[in-house]
PDB file of N, CA and C in Angstrom:
ATOM      1  N   UNK A   1      36.583-116.789-176.114  1.00  0.00           N
ATOM      2  CA  UNK A   1      36.751-118.191-175.780  1.00  0.00           C
ATOM      3  C   UNK A   1      37.672-118.798-176.812  1.00  0.00           C
ATOM      4  N   UNK A   2      38.779-119.585-176.397  1.00  0.00           N
ATOM      5  CA  UNK A   2      39.683-120.102-177.347  1.00  0.00           C
ATOM      6  C   UNK A   2      39.046-121.133-178.247  1.00  0.00           C
ATOM      7  N   UNK A   3      39.533-121.145-179.429  1.00  0.00           N
ATOM      8  CA  UNK A   3      39.030-122.142-180.410  1.00  0.00           C
ATOM      9  C   UNK A   3      39.721-123.440-180.224  1.00  0.00           C
ATOM     10  N   UNK A   4      39.164-124.532-180.759  1.00  0.00           N
ATOM     11  CA  UNK A   4      39.755-125.845-180.673  1.00  0.00           C
ATOM     12  C   UNK A   4      41.175-125.901-181.298  1.00  0.00           C
ATOM     13  N   UNK A   5      41.335-125.142-182.376  1.00  0.00           N
ATOM     14  CA  UNK A   5      42.663-125.089-183.129  1.00  0.00           C
ATOM     15  C   UNK A   5      43.656-124.407-182.244  1.00  0.00           C
ATOM     16  N   UNK A   6      43.284-123.334-181.514  1.00  0.00           N
ATOM     17  CA  UNK A   6      44.202-122.640-180.636  1.00  0.00           C
ATOM     18  C   UNK A   6      44.595-123.500-179.475  1.00  0.00           C
ATOM     19  N   UNK A   7      43.646-124.200-178.927  1.00  0.00           N
ATOM     20  CA  UNK A   7      43.949-125.124-177.802  1.00  0.00           C
ATOM     21  C   UNK A   7      44.934-126.223-178.254  1.00  0.00           C
ATOM     22  N   UNK A   8      44.658-126.749-179.435  1.00  0.00           N
ATOM     23  CA  UNK A   8      45.459-127.802-179.967  1.00  0.00           C
ATOM     24  C   UNK A   8      46.918-127.268-180.267  1.00  0.00           C
ATOM     25  N   UNK A   9      46.960-126.113-180.856  1.00  0.00           N
ATOM     26  CA  UNK A   9      48.288-125.476-181.082  1.00  0.00           C
ATOM     27  C   UNK A   9      49.099-125.232-179.782  1.00  0.00           C
ATOM     28  N   UNK A  10      48.323-124.786-178.722  1.00  0.00           N
ATOM     29  CA  UNK A  10      49.002-124.547-177.451  1.00  0.00           C
ATOM     30  C   UNK A  10      49.485-125.800-176.895  1.00  0.00           C
ATOM     31  N   UNK A  11      48.710-126.867-177.024  1.00  0.00           N
ATOM     32  CA  UNK A  11      49.040-128.214-176.455  1.00  0.00           C
ATOM     33  C   UNK A  11      50.283-128.708-177.207  1.00  0.00           C
ATOM     34  N   UNK A  12      50.266-128.613-178.527  1.00  0.00           N
ATOM     35  CA  UNK A  12      51.437-129.082-179.310  1.00  0.00           C
ATOM     36  C   UNK A  12      52.736-128.316-178.938  1.00  0.00           C
ATOM     37  N   UNK A  13      52.534-127.011-178.704  1.00  0.00           N
ATOM     38  CA  UNK A  13      53.688-126.171-178.382  1.00  0.00           C
ATOM     39  C   UNK A  13      54.227-126.595-177.039  1.00  0.00           C
ATOM     40  N   UNK A  14      53.380-126.772-176.044  1.00  0.00           N
ATOM     41  CA  UNK A  14      53.730-127.263-174.667  1.00  0.00           C
ATOM     42  C   UNK A  14      54.417-128.595-174.810  1.00  0.00           C
ATOM     43  N   UNK A  15      53.875-129.483-175.472  1.00  0.00           N
ATOM     44  CA  UNK A  15      54.479-130.769-175.756  1.00  0.00           C
ATOM     45  C   UNK A  15      55.866-130.723-176.390  1.00  0.00           C
ATOM     46  N   UNK A  16      56.024-129.830-177.369  1.00  0.00           N
ATOM     47  CA  UNK A  16      57.261-129.715-178.015  1.00  0.00           C
ATOM     48  C   UNK A  16      58.319-129.132-177.051  1.00  0.00           C
ATOM     49  N   UNK A  17      57.914-128.325-176.083  1.00  0.00           N
ATOM     50  CA  UNK A  17      58.884-127.806-175.075  1.00  0.00           C
ATOM     51  C   UNK A  17      59.199-128.870-174.084  1.00  0.00           C
ATOM     52  N   UNK A  18      58.318-129.690-173.655  1.00  0.00           N
ATOM     53  CA  UNK A  18      58.500-130.615-172.609  1.00  0.00           C
ATOM     54  C   UNK A  18      59.206-131.891-172.990  1.00  0.00           C
ATOM     55  N   UNK A  19      59.001-132.348-174.226  1.00  0.00           N
ATOM     56  CA  UNK A  19      59.615-133.624-174.669  1.00  0.00           C
ATOM     57  C   UNK A  19      61.121-133.540-174.661  1.00  0.00           C
ATOM     58  N   UNK A  20      61.829-132.578-175.193  1.00  0.00           N
ATOM     59  CA  UNK A  20      63.315-132.498-175.104  1.00  0.00           C
ATOM     60  C   UNK A  20      63.806-132.450-173.593  1.00  0.00           C
ATOM     61  N   UNK A  21      63.128-131.698-172.776  1.00  0.00           N
ATOM     62  CA  UNK A  21      63.514-131.649-171.404  1.00  0.00           C
ATOM     63  C   UNK A  21      63.400-133.051-170.712  1.00  0.00           C
ATOM     64  N   UNK A  22      62.264-133.736-171.028  1.00  0.00           N
ATOM     65  CA  UNK A  22      62.041-135.004-170.458  1.00  0.00           C
ATOM     66  C   UNK A  22      63.109-136.007-170.978  1.00  0.00           C
ATOM     67  N   UNK A  23      63.432-135.887-172.253  1.00  0.00           N
ATOM     68  CA  UNK A  23      64.473-136.832-172.833  1.00  0.00           C
ATOM     69  C   UNK A  23      65.787-136.478-172.154  1.00  0.00           C
ATOM     70  N   UNK A  24      66.139-135.242-171.931  1.00  0.00           N
ATOM     71  CA  UNK A  24      67.386-134.881-171.298  1.00  0.00           C
ATOM     72  C   UNK A  24      67.435-135.432-169.887  1.00  0.00           C
ATOM     73  N   UNK A  25      66.329-135.302-169.104  1.00  0.00           N
ATOM     74  CA  UNK A  25      66.230-135.856-167.779  1.00  0.00           C
ATOM     75  C   UNK A  25      66.446-137.346-167.823  1.00  0.00           C
ATOM     76  N   UNK A  26      65.810-137.998-168.748  1.00  0.00           N
ATOM     77  CA  UNK A  26      65.950-139.520-168.840  1.00  0.00           C
ATOM     78  C   UNK A  26      67.414-139.919-169.197  1.00  0.00           C
ATOM     79  N   UNK A  27      68.083-139.099-170.037  1.00  0.00           N
ATOM     80  CA  UNK A  27      69.473-139.402-170.356  1.00  0.00           C
ATOM     81  C   UNK A  27      70.339-139.132-169.172  1.00  0.00           C
ATOM     82  N   UNK A  28      70.012-138.104-168.366  1.00  0.00           N
ATOM     83  CA  UNK A  28      70.848-137.835-167.202  1.00  0.00           C
ATOM     84  C   UNK A  28      70.704-138.976-166.105  1.00  0.00           C
ATOM     85  N   UNK A  29      69.534-139.470-165.976  1.00  0.00           N
ATOM     86  CA  UNK A  29      69.331-140.604-165.020  1.00  0.00           C
ATOM     87  C   UNK A  29      70.025-141.865-165.559  1.00  0.00           C
ATOM     88  N   UNK A  30      69.987-142.095-166.795  1.00  0.00           N
ATOM     89  CA  UNK A  30      70.610-143.221-167.407  1.00  0.00           C
ATOM     90  C   UNK A  30      72.124-143.049-167.210  1.00  0.00           C
ATOM     91  N   UNK A  31      72.618-141.863-167.429  1.00  0.00           N
ATOM     92  CA  UNK A  31      74.023-141.637-167.282  1.00  0.00           C
ATOM     93  C   UNK A  31      74.519-141.814-165.807  1.00  0.00           C
ATOM     94  N   UNK A  32      73.643-141.268-164.919  1.00  0.00           N
ATOM     95  CA  UNK A  32      73.991-141.445-163.501  1.00  0.00           C
ATOM     96  C   UNK A  32      74.026-142.955-163.140  1.00  0.00           C
ATOM     97  N   UNK A  33      73.082-143.679-163.614  1.00  0.00           N
ATOM     98  CA  UNK A  33      73.074-145.088-163.392  1.00  0.00           C
ATOM     99  C   UNK A  33      74.258-145.806-163.935  1.00  0.00           C
ATOM    100  N   UNK A  34      74.670-145.404-165.124  1.00  0.00           N
ATOM    101  CA  UNK A  34      75.830-145.959-165.777  1.00  0.00           C
ATOM    102  C   UNK A  34      77.135-145.696-164.950  1.00  0.00           C
ATOM    103  N   UNK A  35      77.336-144.466-164.481  1.00  0.00           N
ATOM    104  CA  UNK A  35      78.427-144.144-163.688  1.00  0.00           C
ATOM    105  C   UNK A  35      78.515-144.948-162.460  1.00  0.00           C
ATOM    106  N   UNK A  36      77.364-145.144-161.793  1.00  0.00           N
ATOM    107  CA  UNK A  36      77.236-145.999-160.585  1.00  0.00           C
ATOM    108  C   UNK A  36      77.564-147.444-160.909  1.00  0.00           C
ATOM    109  N   UNK A  37      76.984-147.951-161.916  1.00  0.00           N
ATOM    110  CA  UNK A  37      77.222-149.338-162.328  1.00  0.00           C
ATOM    111  C   UNK A  37      78.658-149.571-162.602  1.00  0.00           C
ATOM    112  N   UNK A  38      79.290-148.714-163.447  1.00  0.00           N
ATOM    113  CA  UNK A  38      80.680-148.790-163.763  1.00  0.00           C
ATOM    114  C   UNK A  38      81.611-148.823-162.543  1.00  0.00           C
ATOM    115  N   UNK A  39      81.331-147.911-161.581  1.00  0.00           N
ATOM    116  CA  UNK A  39      82.096-147.790-160.411  1.00  0.00           C
ATOM    117  C   UNK A  39      82.104-149.055-159.571  1.00  0.00           C
ATOM    118  N   UNK A  40      80.828-149.586-159.389  1.00  0.00           N
ATOM    119  CA  UNK A  40      80.706-150.829-158.562  1.00  0.00           C
ATOM    120  C   UNK A  40      81.301-152.034-159.256  1.00  0.00           C
ATOM    121  N   UNK A  41      81.199-152.098-160.560  1.00  0.00           N
ATOM    122  CA  UNK A  41      81.818-153.224-161.263  1.00  0.00           C
ATOM    123  C   UNK A  41      83.312-153.141-161.133  1.00  0.00           C
ATOM    124  N   UNK A  42      83.841-151.971-161.267  1.00  0.00           N
ATOM    125  CA  UNK A  42      85.377-151.767-161.166  1.00  0.00           C
ATOM    126  C   UNK A  42      85.794-152.060-159.730  1.00  0.00           C
ATOM    127  N   UNK A  43      84.993-151.648-158.714  1.00  0.00           N
ATOM    128  CA  UNK A  43      85.365-151.915-157.268  1.00  0.00           C
ATOM    129  C   UNK A  43      85.351-153.430-157.027  1.00  0.00           C
ATOM    130  N   UNK A  44      84.299-154.137-157.535  1.00  0.00           N
ATOM    131  CA  UNK A  44      84.269-155.557-157.321  1.00  0.00           C
ATOM    132  C   UNK A  44      85.430-156.274-158.050  1.00  0.00           C
ATOM    133  N   UNK A  45      85.792-155.845-159.230  1.00  0.00           N
ATOM    134  CA  UNK A  45      86.875-156.423-159.968  1.00  0.00           C
ATOM    135  C   UNK A  45      88.207-156.195-159.224  1.00  0.00           C
ATOM    136  N   UNK A  46      88.414-155.020-158.578  1.00  0.00           N
ATOM    137  CA  UNK A  46      89.594-154.828-157.838  1.00  0.00           C
ATOM    138  C   UNK A  46      89.684-155.774-156.604  1.00  0.00           C
ATOM    139  N   UNK A  47      88.537-155.835-155.932  1.00  0.00           N
ATOM    140  CA  UNK A  47      88.419-156.746-154.740  1.00  0.00           C
ATOM    141  C   UNK A  47      88.700-158.171-155.093  1.00  0.00           C
ATOM    142  N   UNK A  48      88.185-158.588-156.285  1.00  0.00           N
ATOM    143  CA  UNK A  48      88.273-160.045-156.595  1.00  0.00           C
ATOM    144  C   UNK A  48      89.672-160.331-157.160  1.00  0.00           C
ATOM    145  N   UNK A  49      90.214-159.532-158.082  1.00  0.00           N
ATOM    146  CA  UNK A  49      91.506-159.832-158.732  1.00  0.00           C
ATOM    147  C   UNK A  49      92.669-159.447-157.885  1.00  0.00           C
ATOM    148  N   UNK A  50      92.516-158.413-157.063  1.00  0.00           N
ATOM    149  CA  UNK A  50      93.641-157.900-156.250  1.00  0.00           C
ATOM    150  C   UNK A  50      94.768-157.452-157.125  1.00  0.00           C
ATOM    151  N   UNK A  51      94.494-156.893-158.311  1.00  0.00           N
ATOM    152  CA  UNK A  51      95.521-156.435-159.178  1.00  0.00           C
ATOM    153  C   UNK A  51      95.632-154.893-159.112  1.00  0.00           C
ATOM    154  N   UNK A  52      96.808-154.358-159.139  1.00  0.00           N
ATOM    155  CA  UNK A  52      96.974-152.969-159.015  1.00  0.00           C
ATOM    156  C   UNK A  52      96.303-152.156-160.090  1.00  0.00           C
ATOM    157  N   UNK A  53      96.357-152.615-161.361  1.00  0.00           N
ATOM    158  CA  UNK A  53      95.670-151.959-162.476  1.00  0.00           C
ATOM    159  C   UNK A  53      94.182-151.891-162.255  1.00  0.00           C
ATOM    160  N   UNK A  54      93.654-153.047-161.840  1.00  0.00           N
ATOM    161  CA  UNK A  54      92.129-153.060-161.605  1.00  0.00           C
ATOM    162  C   UNK A  54      91.780-152.103-160.549  1.00  0.00           C
ATOM    163  N   UNK A  55      92.613-151.967-159.490  1.00  0.00           N
ATOM    164  CA  UNK A  55      92.319-151.085-158.397  1.00  0.00           C
ATOM    165  C   UNK A  55      92.496-149.650-158.736  1.00  0.00           C
ATOM    166  N   UNK A  56      93.457-149.328-159.669  1.00  0.00           N
ATOM    167  CA  UNK A  56      93.653-147.974-160.164  1.00  0.00           C
ATOM    168  C   UNK A  56      92.368-147.552-160.985  1.00  0.00           C
ATOM    169  N   UNK A  57      91.851-148.474-161.768  1.00  0.00           N
ATOM    170  CA  UNK A  57      90.652-148.193-162.553  1.00  0.00           C
ATOM    171  C   UNK A  57      89.436-148.059-161.645  1.00  0.00           C
ATOM    172  N   UNK A  58      89.415-148.839-160.618  1.00  0.00           N
ATOM    173  CA  UNK A  58      88.348-148.687-159.596  1.00  0.00           C
ATOM    174  C   UNK A  58      88.384-147.359-158.895  1.00  0.00           C
ATOM    175  N   UNK A  59      89.571-146.903-158.609  1.00  0.00           N
ATOM    176  CA  UNK A  59      89.768-145.591-157.951  1.00  0.00           C
ATOM    177  C   UNK A  59      89.271-144.480-158.866  1.00  0.00           C
ATOM    178  N   UNK A  60      89.617-144.564-160.133  1.00  0.00           N
ATOM    179  CA  UNK A  60      89.162-143.564-161.087  1.00  0.00           C
ATOM    180  C   UNK A  60      87.590-143.559-161.184  1.00  0.00           C
ATOM    181  N   UNK A  61      87.033-144.701-161.315  1.00  0.00           N
ATOM    182  CA  UNK A  61      85.609-144.899-161.444  1.00  0.00           C
ATOM    183  C   UNK A  61      84.870-144.384-160.145  1.00  0.00           C
ATOM    184  N   UNK A  62      85.471-144.711-159.048  1.00  0.00           N
ATOM    185  CA  UNK A  62      84.893-144.231-157.757  1.00  0.00           C
ATOM    186  C   UNK A  62      84.923-142.775-157.591  1.00  0.00           C
ATOM    187  N   UNK A  63      86.022-142.125-158.042  1.00  0.00           N
ATOM    188  CA  UNK A  63      86.124-140.656-158.029  1.00  0.00           C
ATOM    189  C   UNK A  63      85.027-140.009-158.862  1.00  0.00           C
ATOM    190  N   UNK A  64      84.769-140.590-160.038  1.00  0.00           N
ATOM    191  CA  UNK A  64      83.688-140.030-160.884  1.00  0.00           C
ATOM    192  C   UNK A  64      82.370-140.160-160.222  1.00  0.00           C
ATOM    193  N   UNK A  65      82.079-141.296-159.571  1.00  0.00           N
ATOM    194  CA  UNK A  65      80.845-141.471-158.805  1.00  0.00           C
ATOM    195  C   UNK A  65      80.737-140.553-157.649  1.00  0.00           C
ATOM    196  N   UNK A  66      81.820-140.358-156.973  1.00  0.00           N
ATOM    197  CA  UNK A  66      81.792-139.390-155.799  1.00  0.00           C
ATOM    198  C   UNK A  66      81.505-138.021-156.314  1.00  0.00           C
ATOM    199  N   UNK A  67      82.083-137.557-157.369  1.00  0.00           N
ATOM    200  CA  UNK A  67      81.799-136.288-157.942  1.00  0.00           C
ATOM    201  C   UNK A  67      80.326-136.152-158.287  1.00  0.00           C
ATOM    202  N   UNK A  68      79.742-137.253-158.825  1.00  0.00           N
ATOM    203  CA  UNK A  68      78.353-137.234-159.212  1.00  0.00           C
ATOM    204  C   UNK A  68      77.445-137.147-157.942  1.00  0.00           C
ATOM    205  N   UNK A  69      77.834-137.738-156.890  1.00  0.00           N
ATOM    206  CA  UNK A  69      76.936-137.884-155.756  1.00  0.00           C
ATOM    207  C   UNK A  69      77.195-136.780-154.714  1.00  0.00           C
ATOM    208  N   UNK A  70      78.083-135.819-154.936  1.00  0.00           N
ATOM    209  CA  UNK A  70      78.331-134.869-153.937  1.00  0.00           C
ATOM    210  C   UNK A  70      77.409-133.664-154.056  1.00  0.00           C
ATOM    211  N   UNK A  71      76.578-133.597-155.036  1.00  0.00           N
ATOM    212  CA  UNK A  71      75.585-132.492-155.221  1.00  0.00           C
ATOM    213  C   UNK A  71      74.504-132.515-154.170  1.00  0.00           C
ATOM    214  N   UNK A  72      73.911-131.314-153.948  1.00  0.00           N
ATOM    215  CA  UNK A  72      72.846-131.259-152.912  1.00  0.00           C
ATOM    216  C   UNK A  72      71.653-132.126-153.267  1.00  0.00           C
ATOM    217  N   UNK A  73      71.231-132.197-154.560  1.00  0.00           N
ATOM    218  CA  UNK A  73      70.096-132.996-154.885  1.00  0.00           C
ATOM    219  C   UNK A  73      70.324-134.450-154.586  1.00  0.00           C
ATOM    220  N   UNK A  74      71.561-134.917-154.949  1.00  0.00           N
ATOM    221  CA  UNK A  74      71.872-136.324-154.690  1.00  0.00           C
ATOM    222  C   UNK A  74      71.935-136.657-153.154  1.00  0.00           C
ATOM    223  N   UNK A  75      72.418-135.683-152.421  1.00  0.00           N
ATOM    224  CA  UNK A  75      72.577-135.926-150.917  1.00  0.00           C
ATOM    225  C   UNK A  75      71.216-135.930-150.251  1.00  0.00           C
ATOM    226  N   UNK A  76      70.229-135.187-150.856  1.00  0.00           N
ATOM    227  CA  UNK A  76      68.865-135.234-150.295  1.00  0.00           C
ATOM    228  C   UNK A  76      68.177-136.592-150.760  1.00  0.00           C
ATOM    229  N   UNK A  77      68.413-136.944-151.985  1.00  0.00           N
ATOM    230  CA  UNK A  77      67.795-138.174-152.451  1.00  0.00           C
ATOM    231  C   UNK A  77      68.375-139.437-151.758  1.00  0.00           C
ATOM    232  N   UNK A  78      69.633-139.494-151.591  1.00  0.00           N
ATOM    233  CA  UNK A  78      70.259-140.606-150.956  1.00  0.00           C
ATOM    234  C   UNK A  78      71.306-140.082-149.953  1.00  0.00           C
ATOM    235  N   UNK A  79      70.885-139.744-148.732  1.00  0.00           N
ATOM    236  CA  UNK A  79      71.733-139.011-147.778  1.00  0.00           C
ATOM    237  C   UNK A  79      72.985-139.846-147.307  1.00  0.00           C
ATOM    238  N   UNK A  80      72.947-141.133-147.307  1.00  0.00           N
ATOM    239  CA  UNK A  80      74.072-141.924-146.834  1.00  0.00           C
ATOM    240  C   UNK A  80      74.956-142.387-147.937  1.00  0.00           C
ATOM    241  N   UNK A  81      74.612-142.141-149.147  1.00  0.00           N
ATOM    242  CA  UNK A  81      75.435-142.576-150.267  1.00  0.00           C
ATOM    243  C   UNK A  81      76.809-141.986-150.288  1.00  0.00           C
ATOM    244  N   UNK A  82      76.897-140.636-150.240  1.00  0.00           N
ATOM    245  CA  UNK A  82      78.131-139.975-150.283  1.00  0.00           C
ATOM    246  C   UNK A  82      79.084-140.389-149.233  1.00  0.00           C
ATOM    247  N   UNK A  83      78.624-140.525-147.959  1.00  0.00           N
ATOM    248  CA  UNK A  83      79.489-141.048-146.910  1.00  0.00           C
ATOM    249  C   UNK A  83      80.039-142.393-147.151  1.00  0.00           C
ATOM    250  N   UNK A  84      79.132-143.333-147.624  1.00  0.00           N
ATOM    251  CA  UNK A  84      79.462-144.686-147.945  1.00  0.00           C
ATOM    252  C   UNK A  84      80.586-144.697-149.027  1.00  0.00           C
ATOM    253  N   UNK A  85      80.441-143.856-150.035  1.00  0.00           N
ATOM    254  CA  UNK A  85      81.375-143.744-151.159  1.00  0.00           C
ATOM    255  C   UNK A  85      82.749-143.268-150.648  1.00  0.00           C
ATOM    256  N   UNK A  86      82.758-142.216-149.789  1.00  0.00           N
ATOM    257  CA  UNK A  86      84.025-141.740-149.324  1.00  0.00           C
ATOM    258  C   UNK A  86      84.680-142.688-148.384  1.00  0.00           C
ATOM    259  N   UNK A  87      83.933-143.455-147.639  1.00  0.00           N
ATOM    260  CA  UNK A  87      84.457-144.564-146.839  1.00  0.00           C
ATOM    261  C   UNK A  87      85.124-145.591-147.731  1.00  0.00           C
ATOM    262  N   UNK A  88      84.366-145.996-148.792  1.00  0.00           N
ATOM    263  CA  UNK A  88      84.939-146.962-149.739  1.00  0.00           C
ATOM    264  C   UNK A  88      86.239-146.423-150.356  1.00  0.00           C
ATOM    265  N   UNK A  89      86.326-145.136-150.639  1.00  0.00           N
ATOM    266  CA  UNK A  89      87.493-144.504-151.201  1.00  0.00           C
ATOM    267  C   UNK A  89      88.748-144.654-150.259  1.00  0.00           C
ATOM    268  N   UNK A  90      88.392-144.482-148.968  1.00  0.00           N
ATOM    269  CA  UNK A  90      89.501-144.592-147.982  1.00  0.00           C
ATOM    270  C   UNK A  90      89.952-146.058-147.839  1.00  0.00           C
ATOM    271  N   UNK A  91      89.019-147.012-147.785  1.00  0.00           N
ATOM    272  CA  UNK A  91      89.453-148.365-147.669  1.00  0.00           C
ATOM    273  C   UNK A  91      90.068-148.832-148.941  1.00  0.00           C
ATOM    274  N   UNK A  92      89.697-148.425-150.085  1.00  0.00           N
ATOM    275  CA  UNK A  92      90.313-148.723-151.369  1.00  0.00           C
ATOM    276  C   UNK A  92      91.769-148.264-151.306  1.00  0.00           C
ATOM    277  N   UNK A  93      92.012-147.026-150.879  1.00  0.00           N
ATOM    278  CA  UNK A  93      93.368-146.471-150.820  1.00  0.00           C
ATOM    279  C   UNK A  93      94.211-147.331-149.897  1.00  0.00           C
ATOM    280  N   UNK A  94      93.649-147.753-148.809  1.00  0.00           N
ATOM    281  CA  UNK A  94      94.377-148.616-147.832  1.00  0.00           C
ATOM    282  C   UNK A  94      94.617-149.937-148.436  1.00  0.00           C
ATOM    283  N   UNK A  95      93.613-150.494-149.061  1.00  0.00           N
ATOM    284  CA  UNK A  95      93.732-151.852-149.749  1.00  0.00           C
ATOM    285  C   UNK A  95      94.828-151.808-150.808  1.00  0.00           C
ATOM    286  N   UNK A  96      94.915-150.749-151.532  1.00  0.00           N
ATOM    287  CA  UNK A  96      95.895-150.629-152.595  1.00  0.00           C
ATOM    288  C   UNK A  96      97.286-150.743-152.054  1.00  0.00           C
ATOM    289  N   UNK A  97      97.510-150.375-150.840  1.00  0.00           N
ATOM    290  CA  UNK A  97      98.805-150.496-150.223  1.00  0.00           C
ATOM    291  C   UNK A  97      98.896-151.835-149.436  1.00  0.00           C
ATOM    292  N   UNK A  98      97.965-152.714-149.596  1.00  0.00           N
ATOM    293  CA  UNK A  98      97.924-154.049-148.998  1.00  0.00           C
ATOM    294  C   UNK A  98      97.924-154.017-147.479  1.00  0.00           C
ATOM    295  N   UNK A  99      97.242-153.046-146.927  1.00  0.00           N
ATOM    296  CA  UNK A  99      97.061-152.978-145.455  1.00  0.00           C
ATOM    297  C   UNK A  99      95.719-153.453-145.026  1.00  0.00           C
ATOM    298  N   UNK A 100      94.868-153.726-146.008  1.00  0.00           N
ATOM    299  CA  UNK A 100      93.532-154.236-145.702  1.00  0.00           C
ATOM    300  C   UNK A 100      93.418-155.582-146.456  1.00  0.00           C
ATOM    301  N   UNK A 101      92.576-156.424-145.945  1.00  0.00           N
ATOM    302  CA  UNK A 101      92.220-157.719-146.554  1.00  0.00           C
ATOM    303  C   UNK A 101      91.188-157.519-147.624  1.00  0.00           C
ATOM    304  N   UNK A 102      91.027-158.382-148.552  1.00  0.00           N
ATOM    305  CA  UNK A 102      90.061-158.262-149.612  1.00  0.00           C
ATOM    306  C   UNK A 102      88.673-158.380-149.070  1.00  0.00           C
ATOM    307  N   UNK A 103      88.397-159.156-148.072  1.00  0.00           N
ATOM    308  CA  UNK A 103      87.045-159.354-147.575  1.00  0.00           C
ATOM    309  C   UNK A 103      86.538-158.097-146.936  1.00  0.00           C
ATOM    310  N   UNK A 104      87.436-157.293-146.269  1.00  0.00           N
ATOM    311  CA  UNK A 104      87.051-156.044-145.727  1.00  0.00           C
ATOM    312  C   UNK A 104      86.644-155.028-146.828  1.00  0.00           C
ATOM    313  N   UNK A 105      87.442-154.983-147.872  1.00  0.00           N
ATOM    314  CA  UNK A 105      87.114-154.102-148.947  1.00  0.00           C
ATOM    315  C   UNK A 105      85.735-154.522-149.639  1.00  0.00           C
ATOM    316  N   UNK A 106      85.526-155.751-149.749  1.00  0.00           N
ATOM    317  CA  UNK A 106      84.310-156.314-150.323  1.00  0.00           C
ATOM    318  C   UNK A 106      83.079-155.907-149.392  1.00  0.00           C
ATOM    319  N   UNK A 107      83.200-155.974-148.073  1.00  0.00           N
ATOM    320  CA  UNK A 107      82.148-155.562-147.131  1.00  0.00           C
ATOM    321  C   UNK A 107      81.790-154.086-147.331  1.00  0.00           C
ATOM    322  N   UNK A 108      82.849-153.295-147.464  1.00  0.00           N
ATOM    323  CA  UNK A 108      82.615-151.845-147.660  1.00  0.00           C
ATOM    324  C   UNK A 108      81.966-151.580-149.030  1.00  0.00           C
ATOM    325  N   UNK A 109      82.354-152.289-150.028  1.00  0.00           N
ATOM    326  CA  UNK A 109      81.777-152.119-151.372  1.00  0.00           C
ATOM    327  C   UNK A 109      80.235-152.543-151.299  1.00  0.00           C
ATOM    328  N   UNK A 110      79.922-153.588-150.625  1.00  0.00           N
ATOM    329  CA  UNK A 110      78.533-154.039-150.458  1.00  0.00           C
ATOM    330  C   UNK A 110      77.766-153.022-149.665  1.00  0.00           C
ATOM    331  N   UNK A 111      78.378-152.464-148.589  1.00  0.00           N
ATOM    332  CA  UNK A 111      77.623-151.444-147.871  1.00  0.00           C
ATOM    333  C   UNK A 111      77.344-150.232-148.729  1.00  0.00           C
ATOM    334  N   UNK A 112      78.334-149.791-149.474  1.00  0.00           N
ATOM    335  CA  UNK A 112      78.192-148.616-150.264  1.00  0.00           C
ATOM    336  C   UNK A 112      77.122-148.866-151.383  1.00  0.00           C
ATOM    337  N   UNK A 113      77.102-150.132-151.902  1.00  0.00           N
ATOM    338  CA  UNK A 113      76.102-150.432-152.905  1.00  0.00           C
ATOM    339  C   UNK A 113      74.656-150.308-152.338  1.00  0.00           C
ATOM    340  N   UNK A 114      74.555-150.718-151.059  1.00  0.00           N
ATOM    341  CA  UNK A 114      73.137-150.652-150.433  1.00  0.00           C
ATOM    342  C   UNK A 114      72.755-149.199-150.286  1.00  0.00           C
ATOM    343  N   UNK A 115      73.737-148.313-149.962  1.00  0.00           N
ATOM    344  CA  UNK A 115      73.390-146.899-149.727  1.00  0.00           C
ATOM    345  C   UNK A 115      73.296-146.154-151.045  1.00  0.00           C
ATOM    346  N   UNK A 116      73.763-146.695-152.159  1.00  0.00           N
ATOM    347  CA  UNK A 116      73.651-146.041-153.422  1.00  0.00           C
ATOM    348  C   UNK A 116      73.037-146.970-154.480  1.00  0.00           C
ATOM    349  N   UNK A 117      71.764-147.253-154.337  1.00  0.00           N
ATOM    350  CA  UNK A 117      71.085-148.225-155.209  1.00  0.00           C
ATOM    351  C   UNK A 117      70.980-147.647-156.631  1.00  0.00           C
ATOM    352  N   UNK A 118      70.946-148.561-157.607  1.00  0.00           N
ATOM    353  CA  UNK A 118      70.837-148.153-159.022  1.00  0.00           C
ATOM    354  C   UNK A 118      69.562-147.407-159.243  1.00  0.00           C
ATOM    355  N   UNK A 119      68.464-147.763-158.553  1.00  0.00           N
ATOM    356  CA  UNK A 119      67.146-147.119-158.740  1.00  0.00           C
ATOM    357  C   UNK A 119      67.287-145.713-158.029  1.00  0.00           C
ATOM    358  N   UNK A 120      67.686-144.720-158.711  1.00  0.00           N
ATOM    359  CA  UNK A 120      68.018-143.427-158.092  1.00  0.00           C
ATOM    360  C   UNK A 120      66.831-142.662-157.617  1.00  0.00           C
ATOM    361  N   UNK A 121      65.630-143.084-157.903  1.00  0.00           N
ATOM    362  CA  UNK A 121      64.406-142.409-157.456  1.00  0.00           C
ATOM    363  C   UNK A 121      64.077-142.650-155.981  1.00  0.00           C
ATOM    364  N   UNK A 122      64.633-143.747-155.379  1.00  0.00           N
ATOM    365  CA  UNK A 122      64.276-144.068-154.057  1.00  0.00           C
ATOM    366  C   UNK A 122      65.077-143.202-153.051  1.00  0.00           C
ATOM    367  N   UNK A 123      64.491-142.914-151.894  1.00  0.00           N
ATOM    368  CA  UNK A 123      65.195-142.185-150.873  1.00  0.00           C
ATOM    369  C   UNK A 123      65.639-143.237-149.844  1.00  0.00           C
ATOM    370  N   UNK A 124      66.971-143.251-149.597  1.00  0.00           N
ATOM    371  CA  UNK A 124      67.485-144.195-148.600  1.00  0.00           C
ATOM    372  C   UNK A 124      67.227-143.716-147.234  1.00  0.00           C
ATOM    373  N   UNK A 125      67.083-144.650-146.274  1.00  0.00           N
ATOM    374  CA  UNK A 125      66.831-144.296-144.939  1.00  0.00           C
ATOM    375  C   UNK A 125      68.028-144.179-144.129  1.00  0.00           C
TER     376      UNK A 125
END
């Protein structure tokens, strides 16, 4: 029968192994949320200001978010997010050449934001 000190040592060892993994997972979720937040802030700035530099920054931020969301786990967790983001990418490219109106870009941004909520634990329908 294991002694109390052996049980305590095993518990502390298990805790020591799990804490760094949990911290890394928490940092990854925070990083994912930051990428998402940065992309949508940049997209909204592009739509509002209608300036080429703001739209170039939005395009770069959107590309980073698309790369983040194209993984299998993200597609299972939020199945419509990737499609909404690639649609936003297409409209942004068109908008940058002034073939779209700002309100259309804003509608697409809003729709993508609904499909890609900041609370990444939720499964979208």
